[in-house]
mmCIF file of all heavy atoms, coordinates in Angstrom:
data_MODEL
# 
_entry.id   MODEL 
# 
loop_
_atom_site.group_PDB 
_atom_site.id 
_atom_site.type_symbol 
_atom_site.label_atom_id 
_atom_site.label_alt_id 
_atom_site.label_comp_id 
_atom_site.label_asym_id 
_atom_site.label_entity_id 
_atom_site.label_seq_id 
_atom_site.pdbx_PDB_ins_code 
_atom_site.Cartn_x 
_atom_site.Cartn_y 
_atom_site.Cartn_z 
_atom_site.occupancy 
_atom_site.B_iso_or_equiv 
_atom_site.pdbx_formal_charge 
_atom_site.auth_seq_id 
_atom_site.auth_comp_id 
_atom_site.auth_asym_id 
_atom_site.auth_atom_id 
_atom_site.pdbx_PDB_model_num 
ATOM 1   N N   . LEU A 1 1  ? -111.831 -36.749 128.204 1.00 0.00 ? 1  LEU A N   1 
ATOM 2   C CA  . LEU A 1 1  ? -113.188 -37.224 127.932 1.00 0.00 ? 1  LEU A CA  1 
ATOM 3   C C   . LEU A 1 1  ? -114.118 -36.078 127.557 1.00 0.00 ? 1  LEU A C   1 
ATOM 4   O O   . LEU A 1 1  ? -114.978 -36.215 126.678 1.00 0.00 ? 1  LEU A O   1 
ATOM 5   C CB  . LEU A 1 1  ? -113.730 -37.978 129.143 1.00 0.00 ? 1  LEU A CB  1 
ATOM 6   C CG  . LEU A 1 1  ? -113.031 -39.296 129.480 1.00 0.00 ? 1  LEU A CG  1 
ATOM 7   C CD1 . LEU A 1 1  ? -113.558 -39.864 130.794 1.00 0.00 ? 1  LEU A CD1 1 
ATOM 8   C CD2 . LEU A 1 1  ? -113.218 -40.312 128.357 1.00 0.00 ? 1  LEU A CD2 1 
ATOM 9   N N   . THR A 1 2  ? -113.950 -34.944 128.222 1.00 0.00 ? 2  THR A N   1 
ATOM 10  C CA  . THR A 1 2  ? -114.761 -33.773 127.878 1.00 0.00 ? 2  THR A CA  1 
ATOM 11  C C   . THR A 1 2  ? -114.435 -33.296 126.472 1.00 0.00 ? 2  THR A C   1 
ATOM 12  O O   . THR A 1 2  ? -115.336 -32.979 125.676 1.00 0.00 ? 2  THR A O   1 
ATOM 13  C CB  . THR A 1 2  ? -114.524 -32.640 128.888 1.00 0.00 ? 2  THR A CB  1 
ATOM 14  O OG1 . THR A 1 2  ? -114.836 -33.107 130.196 1.00 0.00 ? 2  THR A OG1 1 
ATOM 15  C CG2 . THR A 1 2  ? -115.397 -31.441 128.564 1.00 0.00 ? 2  THR A CG2 1 
ATOM 16  N N   . GLY A 1 3  ? -113.139 -33.252 126.144 1.00 0.00 ? 3  GLY A N   1 
ATOM 17  C CA  . GLY A 1 3  ? -112.734 -32.808 124.813 1.00 0.00 ? 3  GLY A CA  1 
ATOM 18  C C   . GLY A 1 3  ? -113.265 -33.698 123.716 1.00 0.00 ? 3  GLY A C   1 
ATOM 19  O O   . GLY A 1 3  ? -113.682 -33.225 122.649 1.00 0.00 ? 3  GLY A O   1 
ATOM 20  N N   . GLY A 1 4  ? -113.276 -35.017 123.948 1.00 0.00 ? 4  GLY A N   1 
ATOM 21  C CA  . GLY A 1 4  ? -113.807 -35.929 122.950 1.00 0.00 ? 4  GLY A CA  1 
ATOM 22  C C   . GLY A 1 4  ? -115.283 -35.702 122.689 1.00 0.00 ? 4  GLY A C   1 
ATOM 23  O O   . GLY A 1 4  ? -115.741 -35.722 121.541 1.00 0.00 ? 4  GLY A O   1 
ATOM 24  N N   . ALA A 1 5  ? -116.053 -35.469 123.749 1.00 0.00 ? 5  ALA A N   1 
ATOM 25  C CA  . ALA A 1 5  ? -117.487 -35.205 123.576 1.00 0.00 ? 5  ALA A CA  1 
ATOM 26  C C   . ALA A 1 5  ? -117.725 -33.865 122.897 1.00 0.00 ? 5  ALA A C   1 
ATOM 27  O O   . ALA A 1 5  ? -118.635 -33.719 122.061 1.00 0.00 ? 5  ALA A O   1 
ATOM 28  C CB  . ALA A 1 5  ? -118.188 -35.248 124.934 1.00 0.00 ? 5  ALA A CB  1 
ATOM 29  N N   . MET A 1 6  ? -116.901 -32.862 123.236 1.00 0.00 ? 6  MET A N   1 
ATOM 30  C CA  . MET A 1 6  ? -117.066 -31.547 122.622 1.00 0.00 ? 6  MET A CA  1 
ATOM 31  C C   . MET A 1 6  ? -116.847 -31.597 121.120 1.00 0.00 ? 6  MET A C   1 
ATOM 32  O O   . MET A 1 6  ? -117.419 -30.797 120.372 1.00 0.00 ? 6  MET A O   1 
ATOM 33  C CB  . MET A 1 6  ? -116.114 -30.544 123.268 1.00 0.00 ? 6  MET A CB  1 
ATOM 34  C CG  . MET A 1 6  ? -116.504 -30.125 124.681 1.00 0.00 ? 6  MET A CG  1 
ATOM 35  S SD  . MET A 1 6  ? -118.137 -29.336 124.789 1.00 0.00 ? 6  MET A SD  1 
ATOM 36  C CE  . MET A 1 6  ? -117.847 -27.849 123.824 1.00 0.00 ? 6  MET A CE  1 
ATOM 37  N N   . LEU A 1 7  ? -116.000 -32.522 120.635 1.00 0.00 ? 7  LEU A N   1 
ATOM 38  C CA  . LEU A 1 7  ? -115.816 -32.655 119.190 1.00 0.00 ? 7  LEU A CA  1 
ATOM 39  C C   . LEU A 1 7  ? -117.139 -32.973 118.506 1.00 0.00 ? 7  LEU A C   1 
ATOM 40  O O   . LEU A 1 7  ? -117.440 -32.435 117.433 1.00 0.00 ? 7  LEU A O   1 
ATOM 41  C CB  . LEU A 1 7  ? -114.783 -33.739 118.890 1.00 0.00 ? 7  LEU A CB  1 
ATOM 42  C CG  . LEU A 1 7  ? -113.326 -33.407 119.203 1.00 0.00 ? 7  LEU A CG  1 
ATOM 43  C CD1 . LEU A 1 7  ? -112.452 -34.633 119.020 1.00 0.00 ? 7  LEU A CD1 1 
ATOM 44  C CD2 . LEU A 1 7  ? -112.833 -32.267 118.317 1.00 0.00 ? 7  LEU A CD2 1 
ATOM 45  N N   . PHE A 1 8  ? -117.927 -33.844 119.102 1.00 0.00 ? 8  PHE A N   1 
ATOM 46  C CA  . PHE A 1 8  ? -119.235 -34.160 118.525 1.00 0.00 ? 8  PHE A CA  1 
ATOM 47  C C   . PHE A 1 8  ? -120.198 -32.977 118.667 1.00 0.00 ? 8  PHE A C   1 
ATOM 48  O O   . PHE A 1 8  ? -120.932 -32.651 117.726 1.00 0.00 ? 8  PHE A O   1 
ATOM 49  C CB  . PHE A 1 8  ? -119.827 -35.394 119.202 1.00 0.00 ? 8  PHE A CB  1 
ATOM 50  C CG  . PHE A 1 8  ? -119.190 -36.685 118.783 1.00 0.00 ? 8  PHE A CG  1 
ATOM 51  C CD1 . PHE A 1 8  ? -118.382 -37.385 119.664 1.00 0.00 ? 8  PHE A CD1 1 
ATOM 52  C CD2 . PHE A 1 8  ? -119.391 -37.191 117.516 1.00 0.00 ? 8  PHE A CD2 1 
ATOM 53  C CE1 . PHE A 1 8  ? -117.790 -38.582 119.286 1.00 0.00 ? 8  PHE A CE1 1 
ATOM 54  C CE2 . PHE A 1 8  ? -118.805 -38.389 117.120 1.00 0.00 ? 8  PHE A CE2 1 
ATOM 55  C CZ  . PHE A 1 8  ? -117.995 -39.085 118.007 1.00 0.00 ? 8  PHE A CZ  1 
ATOM 56  N N   . ALA A 1 9  ? -120.208 -32.340 119.835 1.00 0.00 ? 9  ALA A N   1 
ATOM 57  C CA  . ALA A 1 9  ? -121.106 -31.200 120.046 1.00 0.00 ? 9  ALA A CA  1 
ATOM 58  C C   . ALA A 1 9  ? -120.787 -30.078 119.071 1.00 0.00 ? 9  ALA A C   1 
ATOM 59  O O   . ALA A 1 9  ? -121.691 -29.477 118.472 1.00 0.00 ? 9  ALA A O   1 
ATOM 60  C CB  . ALA A 1 9  ? -121.004 -30.709 121.482 1.00 0.00 ? 9  ALA A CB  1 
ATOM 61  N N   . ASN A 1 10 ? -119.502 -29.796 118.899 1.00 0.00 ? 10 ASN A N   1 
ATOM 62  C CA  . ASN A 1 10 ? -119.098 -28.732 117.984 1.00 0.00 ? 10 ASN A CA  1 
ATOM 63  C C   . ASN A 1 10 ? -119.315 -29.106 116.523 1.00 0.00 ? 10 ASN A C   1 
ATOM 64  O O   . ASN A 1 10 ? -119.315 -28.234 115.649 1.00 0.00 ? 10 ASN A O   1 
ATOM 65  C CB  . ASN A 1 10 ? -117.627 -28.373 118.203 1.00 0.00 ? 10 ASN A CB  1 
ATOM 66  C CG  . ASN A 1 10 ? -117.394 -27.678 119.526 1.00 0.00 ? 10 ASN A CG  1 
ATOM 67  O OD1 . ASN A 1 10 ? -118.310 -27.091 120.110 1.00 0.00 ? 10 ASN A OD1 1 
ATOM 68  N ND2 . ASN A 1 10 ? -116.173 -27.760 120.036 1.00 0.00 ? 10 ASN A ND2 1 
ATOM 69  N N   . SER A 1 11 ? -119.495 -30.394 116.251 1.00 0.00 ? 11 SER A N   1 
ATOM 70  C CA  . SER A 1 11 ? -119.757 -30.851 114.888 1.00 0.00 ? 11 SER A CA  1 
ATOM 71  C C   . SER A 1 11 ? -121.246 -30.977 114.607 1.00 0.00 ? 11 SER A C   1 
ATOM 72  O O   . SER A 1 11 ? -121.630 -31.465 113.551 1.00 0.00 ? 11 SER A O   1 
ATOM 73  C CB  . SER A 1 11 ? -119.065 -32.198 114.645 1.00 0.00 ? 11 SER A CB  1 
ATOM 74  O OG  . SER A 1 11 ? -117.660 -32.068 114.752 1.00 0.00 ? 11 SER A OG  1 
ATOM 75  N N   . GLY A 1 12 ? -122.083 -30.555 115.556 1.00 0.00 ? 12 GLY A N   1 
ATOM 76  C CA  . GLY A 1 12 ? -123.513 -30.463 115.285 1.00 0.00 ? 12 GLY A CA  1 
ATOM 77  C C   . GLY A 1 12 ? -124.389 -31.483 115.960 1.00 0.00 ? 12 GLY A C   1 
ATOM 78  O O   . GLY A 1 12 ? -125.606 -31.479 115.732 1.00 0.00 ? 12 GLY A O   1 
ATOM 79  N N   . ALA A 1 13 ? -123.832 -32.382 116.788 1.00 0.00 ? 13 ALA A N   1 
ATOM 80  C CA  . ALA A 1 13 ? -124.688 -33.322 117.514 1.00 0.00 ? 13 ALA A CA  1 
ATOM 81  C C   . ALA A 1 13 ? -125.652 -32.552 118.408 1.00 0.00 ? 13 ALA A C   1 
ATOM 82  O O   . ALA A 1 13 ? -125.281 -31.554 119.030 1.00 0.00 ? 13 ALA A O   1 
ATOM 83  C CB  . ALA A 1 13 ? -123.846 -34.282 118.349 1.00 0.00 ? 13 ALA A CB  1 
ATOM 84  N N   . CYS A 1 14 ? -126.897 -33.012 118.493 1.00 0.00 ? 14 CYS A N   1 
ATOM 85  C CA  . CYS A 1 14 ? -127.899 -32.308 119.312 1.00 0.00 ? 14 CYS A CA  1 
ATOM 86  C C   . CYS A 1 14 ? -128.040 -32.928 120.691 1.00 0.00 ? 14 CYS A C   1 
ATOM 87  O O   . CYS A 1 14 ? -128.856 -32.465 121.488 1.00 0.00 ? 14 CYS A O   1 
ATOM 88  C CB  . CYS A 1 14 ? -129.254 -32.275 118.609 1.00 0.00 ? 14 CYS A CB  1 
ATOM 89  S SG  . CYS A 1 14 ? -130.005 -33.908 118.356 1.00 0.00 ? 14 CYS A SG  1 
ATOM 90  N N   . GLY A 1 15 ? -127.248 -33.965 120.963 1.00 0.00 ? 15 GLY A N   1 
ATOM 91  C CA  . GLY A 1 15 ? -127.333 -34.564 122.286 1.00 0.00 ? 15 GLY A CA  1 
ATOM 92  C C   . GLY A 1 15 ? -126.448 -35.782 122.399 1.00 0.00 ? 15 GLY A C   1 
ATOM 93  O O   . GLY A 1 15 ? -125.757 -36.182 121.452 1.00 0.00 ? 15 GLY A O   1 
ATOM 94  N N   . PHE A 1 16 ? -126.490 -36.392 123.582 1.00 0.00 ? 16 PHE A N   1 
ATOM 95  C CA  . PHE A 1 16 ? -125.686 -37.574 123.871 1.00 0.00 ? 16 PHE A CA  1 
ATOM 96  C C   . PHE A 1 16 ? -126.509 -38.562 124.679 1.00 0.00 ? 16 PHE A C   1 
ATOM 97  O O   . PHE A 1 16 ? -127.282 -38.175 125.552 1.00 0.00 ? 16 PHE A O   1 
ATOM 98  C CB  . PHE A 1 16 ? -124.441 -37.213 124.683 1.00 0.00 ? 16 PHE A CB  1 
ATOM 99  C CG  . PHE A 1 16 ? -123.444 -36.371 123.942 1.00 0.00 ? 16 PHE A CG  1 
ATOM 100 C CD1 . PHE A 1 16 ? -123.514 -34.983 124.012 1.00 0.00 ? 16 PHE A CD1 1 
ATOM 101 C CD2 . PHE A 1 16 ? -122.441 -36.958 123.177 1.00 0.00 ? 16 PHE A CD2 1 
ATOM 102 C CE1 . PHE A 1 16 ? -122.602 -34.195 123.332 1.00 0.00 ? 16 PHE A CE1 1 
ATOM 103 C CE2 . PHE A 1 16 ? -121.520 -36.177 122.496 1.00 0.00 ? 16 PHE A CE2 1 
ATOM 104 C CZ  . PHE A 1 16 ? -121.594 -34.794 122.572 1.00 0.00 ? 16 PHE A CZ  1 
ATOM 105 N N   . ARG A 1 17 ? -126.313 -39.849 124.392 1.00 0.00 ? 17 ARG A N   1 
ATOM 106 C CA  . ARG A 1 17 ? -126.742 -40.911 125.288 1.00 0.00 ? 17 ARG A CA  1 
ATOM 107 C C   . ARG A 1 17 ? -125.471 -41.357 125.997 1.00 0.00 ? 17 ARG A C   1 
ATOM 108 O O   . ARG A 1 17 ? -124.497 -41.758 125.366 1.00 0.00 ? 17 ARG A O   1 
ATOM 109 C CB  . ARG A 1 17 ? -127.370 -42.050 124.497 1.00 0.00 ? 17 ARG A CB  1 
ATOM 110 C CG  . ARG A 1 17 ? -127.858 -43.243 125.345 1.00 0.00 ? 17 ARG A CG  1 
ATOM 111 C CD  . ARG A 1 17 ? -126.805 -44.324 125.422 1.00 0.00 ? 17 ARG A CD  1 
ATOM 112 N NE  . ARG A 1 17 ? -127.326 -45.581 125.965 1.00 0.00 ? 17 ARG A NE  1 
ATOM 113 C CZ  . ARG A 1 17 ? -126.585 -46.641 126.223 1.00 0.00 ? 17 ARG A CZ  1 
ATOM 114 N NH1 . ARG A 1 17 ? -125.279 -46.610 125.998 1.00 0.00 ? 17 ARG A NH1 1 
ATOM 115 N NH2 . ARG A 1 17 ? -127.127 -47.728 126.702 1.00 0.00 ? 17 ARG A NH2 1 
ATOM 116 N N   . ILE A 1 18 ? -125.440 -41.257 127.315 1.00 0.00 ? 18 ILE A N   1 
ATOM 117 C CA  . ILE A 1 18 ? -124.246 -41.559 128.086 1.00 0.00 ? 18 ILE A CA  1 
ATOM 118 C C   . ILE A 1 18 ? -124.349 -42.973 128.642 1.00 0.00 ? 18 ILE A C   1 
ATOM 119 O O   . ILE A 1 18 ? -125.281 -43.299 129.375 1.00 0.00 ? 18 ILE A O   1 
ATOM 120 C CB  . ILE A 1 18 ? -124.043 -40.538 129.224 1.00 0.00 ? 18 ILE A CB  1 
ATOM 121 C CG1 . ILE A 1 18 ? -124.025 -39.105 128.666 1.00 0.00 ? 18 ILE A CG1 1 
ATOM 122 C CG2 . ILE A 1 18 ? -122.755 -40.840 129.976 1.00 0.00 ? 18 ILE A CG2 1 
ATOM 123 C CD1 . ILE A 1 18 ? -122.914 -38.825 127.673 1.00 0.00 ? 18 ILE A CD1 1 
ATOM 124 N N   . ASP A 1 19 ? -123.384 -43.795 128.290 1.00 0.00 ? 19 ASP A N   1 
ATOM 125 C CA  . ASP A 1 19 ? -123.387 -45.199 128.662 1.00 0.00 ? 19 ASP A CA  1 
ATOM 126 C C   . ASP A 1 19 ? -122.998 -45.384 130.130 1.00 0.00 ? 19 ASP A C   1 
ATOM 127 O O   . ASP A 1 19 ? -122.141 -44.675 130.660 1.00 0.00 ? 19 ASP A O   1 
ATOM 128 C CB  . ASP A 1 19 ? -122.392 -45.945 127.763 1.00 0.00 ? 19 ASP A CB  1 
ATOM 129 C CG  . ASP A 1 19 ? -122.446 -47.441 127.923 1.00 0.00 ? 19 ASP A CG  1 
ATOM 130 O OD1 . ASP A 1 19 ? -123.519 -48.015 127.691 1.00 0.00 ? 19 ASP A OD1 1 
ATOM 131 O OD2 . ASP A 1 19 ? -121.415 -48.041 128.290 1.00 0.00 ? 19 ASP A OD2 1 
ATOM 132 N N   . ALA A 1 20 ? -123.638 -46.347 130.782 1.00 0.00 ? 20 ALA A N   1 
ATOM 133 C CA  . ALA A 1 20 ? -123.222 -46.851 132.100 1.00 0.00 ? 20 ALA A CA  1 
ATOM 134 C C   . ALA A 1 20 ? -123.085 -45.764 133.161 1.00 0.00 ? 20 ALA A C   1 
ATOM 135 O O   . ALA A 1 20 ? -122.124 -45.747 133.923 1.00 0.00 ? 20 ALA A O   1 
ATOM 136 C CB  . ALA A 1 20 ? -121.898 -47.613 131.959 1.00 0.00 ? 20 ALA A CB  1 
ATOM 137 N N   . VAL A 1 21 ? -124.062 -44.862 133.275 1.00 0.00 ? 21 VAL A N   1 
ATOM 138 C CA  . VAL A 1 21 ? -123.922 -43.748 134.220 1.00 0.00 ? 21 VAL A CA  1 
ATOM 139 C C   . VAL A 1 21 ? -123.907 -44.212 135.671 1.00 0.00 ? 21 VAL A C   1 
ATOM 140 O O   . VAL A 1 21 ? -123.296 -43.555 136.528 1.00 0.00 ? 21 VAL A O   1 
ATOM 141 C CB  . VAL A 1 21 ? -125.029 -42.683 134.017 1.00 0.00 ? 21 VAL A CB  1 
ATOM 142 C CG1 . VAL A 1 21 ? -124.916 -42.033 132.657 1.00 0.00 ? 21 VAL A CG1 1 
ATOM 143 C CG2 . VAL A 1 21 ? -126.416 -43.257 134.245 1.00 0.00 ? 21 VAL A CG2 1 
ATOM 144 N N   . LYS A 1 22 ? -124.538 -45.334 135.996 1.00 0.00 ? 22 LYS A N   1 
ATOM 145 C CA  . LYS A 1 22 ? -124.571 -45.772 137.393 1.00 0.00 ? 22 LYS A CA  1 
ATOM 146 C C   . LYS A 1 22 ? -123.196 -46.165 137.899 1.00 0.00 ? 22 LYS A C   1 
ATOM 147 O O   . LYS A 1 22 ? -122.985 -46.278 139.112 1.00 0.00 ? 22 LYS A O   1 
ATOM 148 C CB  . LYS A 1 22 ? -125.561 -46.920 137.579 1.00 0.00 ? 22 LYS A CB  1 
ATOM 149 C CG  . LYS A 1 22 ? -125.088 -48.276 137.078 1.00 0.00 ? 22 LYS A CG  1 
ATOM 150 C CD  . LYS A 1 22 ? -126.165 -49.354 137.214 1.00 0.00 ? 22 LYS A CD  1 
ATOM 151 C CE  . LYS A 1 22 ? -126.420 -49.755 138.640 1.00 0.00 ? 22 LYS A CE  1 
ATOM 152 N NZ  . LYS A 1 22 ? -127.442 -50.816 138.753 1.00 0.00 ? 22 LYS A NZ  1 
ATOM 153 N N   . HIS A 1 23 ? -122.245 -46.355 136.997 1.00 0.00 ? 23 HIS A N   1 
ATOM 154 C CA  . HIS A 1 23 ? -120.896 -46.757 137.384 1.00 0.00 ? 23 HIS A CA  1 
ATOM 155 C C   . HIS A 1 23 ? -119.937 -45.570 137.453 1.00 0.00 ? 23 HIS A C   1 
ATOM 156 O O   . HIS A 1 23 ? -118.729 -45.764 137.590 1.00 0.00 ? 23 HIS A O   1 
ATOM 157 C CB  . HIS A 1 23 ? -120.382 -47.816 136.422 1.00 0.00 ? 23 HIS A CB  1 
ATOM 158 C CG  . HIS A 1 23 ? -121.251 -49.033 136.377 1.00 0.00 ? 23 HIS A CG  1 
ATOM 159 N ND1 . HIS A 1 23 ? -121.316 -49.928 137.420 1.00 0.00 ? 23 HIS A ND1 1 
ATOM 160 C CD2 . HIS A 1 23 ? -122.146 -49.460 135.451 1.00 0.00 ? 23 HIS A CD2 1 
ATOM 161 C CE1 . HIS A 1 23 ? -122.194 -50.881 137.123 1.00 0.00 ? 23 HIS A CE1 1 
ATOM 162 N NE2 . HIS A 1 23 ? -122.713 -50.619 135.942 1.00 0.00 ? 23 HIS A NE2 1 
ATOM 163 N N   . MET A 1 24 ? -120.467 -44.361 137.333 1.00 0.00 ? 24 MET A N   1 
ATOM 164 C CA  . MET A 1 24 ? -119.660 -43.145 137.467 1.00 0.00 ? 24 MET A CA  1 
ATOM 165 C C   . MET A 1 24 ? -120.216 -42.288 138.584 1.00 0.00 ? 24 MET A C   1 
ATOM 166 O O   . MET A 1 24 ? -121.423 -42.286 138.840 1.00 0.00 ? 24 MET A O   1 
ATOM 167 C CB  . MET A 1 24 ? -119.647 -42.361 136.144 1.00 0.00 ? 24 MET A CB  1 
ATOM 168 C CG  . MET A 1 24 ? -118.901 -43.064 135.022 1.00 0.00 ? 24 MET A CG  1 
ATOM 169 S SD  . MET A 1 24 ? -118.977 -42.161 133.456 1.00 0.00 ? 24 MET A SD  1 
ATOM 170 C CE  . MET A 1 24 ? -120.609 -42.648 132.871 1.00 0.00 ? 24 MET A CE  1 
ATOM 171 N N   . GLU A 1 25 ? -119.347 -41.527 139.223 1.00 0.00 ? 25 GLU A N   1 
ATOM 172 C CA  . GLU A 1 25 ? -119.779 -40.608 140.277 1.00 0.00 ? 25 GLU A CA  1 
ATOM 173 C C   . GLU A 1 25 ? -120.684 -39.528 139.686 1.00 0.00 ? 25 GLU A C   1 
ATOM 174 O O   . GLU A 1 25 ? -120.331 -38.884 138.684 1.00 0.00 ? 25 GLU A O   1 
ATOM 175 C CB  . GLU A 1 25 ? -118.577 -39.962 140.951 1.00 0.00 ? 25 GLU A CB  1 
ATOM 176 C CG  . GLU A 1 25 ? -117.804 -40.902 141.873 1.00 0.00 ? 25 GLU A CG  1 
ATOM 177 C CD  . GLU A 1 25 ? -118.434 -41.013 143.255 1.00 0.00 ? 25 GLU A CD  1 
ATOM 178 O OE1 . GLU A 1 25 ? -119.567 -40.541 143.431 1.00 0.00 ? 25 GLU A OE1 1 
ATOM 179 O OE2 . GLU A 1 25 ? -117.770 -41.561 144.160 1.00 0.00 ? 25 GLU A OE2 1 
ATOM 180 N N   . LEU A 1 26 ? -121.847 -39.333 140.303 1.00 0.00 ? 26 LEU A N   1 
ATOM 181 C CA  . LEU A 1 26 ? -122.782 -38.320 139.825 1.00 0.00 ? 26 LEU A CA  1 
ATOM 182 C C   . LEU A 1 26 ? -122.141 -36.944 139.824 1.00 0.00 ? 26 LEU A C   1 
ATOM 183 O O   . LEU A 1 26 ? -122.375 -36.139 138.913 1.00 0.00 ? 26 LEU A O   1 
ATOM 184 C CB  . LEU A 1 26 ? -124.040 -38.326 140.695 1.00 0.00 ? 26 LEU A CB  1 
ATOM 185 C CG  . LEU A 1 26 ? -125.137 -37.338 140.315 1.00 0.00 ? 26 LEU A CG  1 
ATOM 186 C CD1 . LEU A 1 26 ? -125.623 -37.569 138.887 1.00 0.00 ? 26 LEU A CD1 1 
ATOM 187 C CD2 . LEU A 1 26 ? -126.303 -37.431 141.302 1.00 0.00 ? 26 LEU A CD2 1 
ATOM 188 N N   . GLY A 1 27 ? -121.314 -36.658 140.823 1.00 0.00 ? 27 GLY A N   1 
ATOM 189 C CA  . GLY A 1 27 ? -120.671 -35.347 140.894 1.00 0.00 ? 27 GLY A CA  1 
ATOM 190 C C   . GLY A 1 27 ? -119.790 -35.062 139.703 1.00 0.00 ? 27 GLY A C   1 
ATOM 191 O O   . GLY A 1 27 ? -119.714 -33.911 139.235 1.00 0.00 ? 27 GLY A O   1 
ATOM 192 N N   . TRP A 1 28 ? -119.107 -36.079 139.183 1.00 0.00 ? 28 TRP A N   1 
ATOM 193 C CA  . TRP A 1 28 ? -118.312 -35.858 137.966 1.00 0.00 ? 28 TRP A CA  1 
ATOM 194 C C   . TRP A 1 28 ? -119.216 -35.649 136.763 1.00 0.00 ? 28 TRP A C   1 
ATOM 195 O O   . TRP A 1 28 ? -118.978 -34.763 135.933 1.00 0.00 ? 28 TRP A O   1 
ATOM 196 C CB  . TRP A 1 28 ? -117.364 -37.032 137.694 1.00 0.00 ? 28 TRP A CB  1 
ATOM 197 C CG  . TRP A 1 28 ? -116.581 -36.760 136.435 1.00 0.00 ? 28 TRP A CG  1 
ATOM 198 C CD1 . TRP A 1 28 ? -115.502 -35.932 136.308 1.00 0.00 ? 28 TRP A CD1 1 
ATOM 199 C CD2 . TRP A 1 28 ? -116.856 -37.257 135.127 1.00 0.00 ? 28 TRP A CD2 1 
ATOM 200 N NE1 . TRP A 1 28 ? -115.079 -35.890 134.996 1.00 0.00 ? 28 TRP A NE1 1 
ATOM 201 C CE2 . TRP A 1 28 ? -115.897 -36.702 134.246 1.00 0.00 ? 28 TRP A CE2 1 
ATOM 202 C CE3 . TRP A 1 28 ? -117.821 -38.118 134.601 1.00 0.00 ? 28 TRP A CE3 1 
ATOM 203 C CZ2 . TRP A 1 28 ? -115.862 -36.981 132.886 1.00 0.00 ? 28 TRP A CZ2 1 
ATOM 204 C CZ3 . TRP A 1 28 ? -117.800 -38.406 133.232 1.00 0.00 ? 28 TRP A CZ3 1 
ATOM 205 C CH2 . TRP A 1 28 ? -116.837 -37.845 132.392 1.00 0.00 ? 28 TRP A CH2 1 
# 
């Protein structure tokens, strides 16, 4: 999952909207 997001970051994305954060552990 980290690698997939890094593909966008390395391709010039300036940010991310992260879906459904309340359903994931904050620590992760």
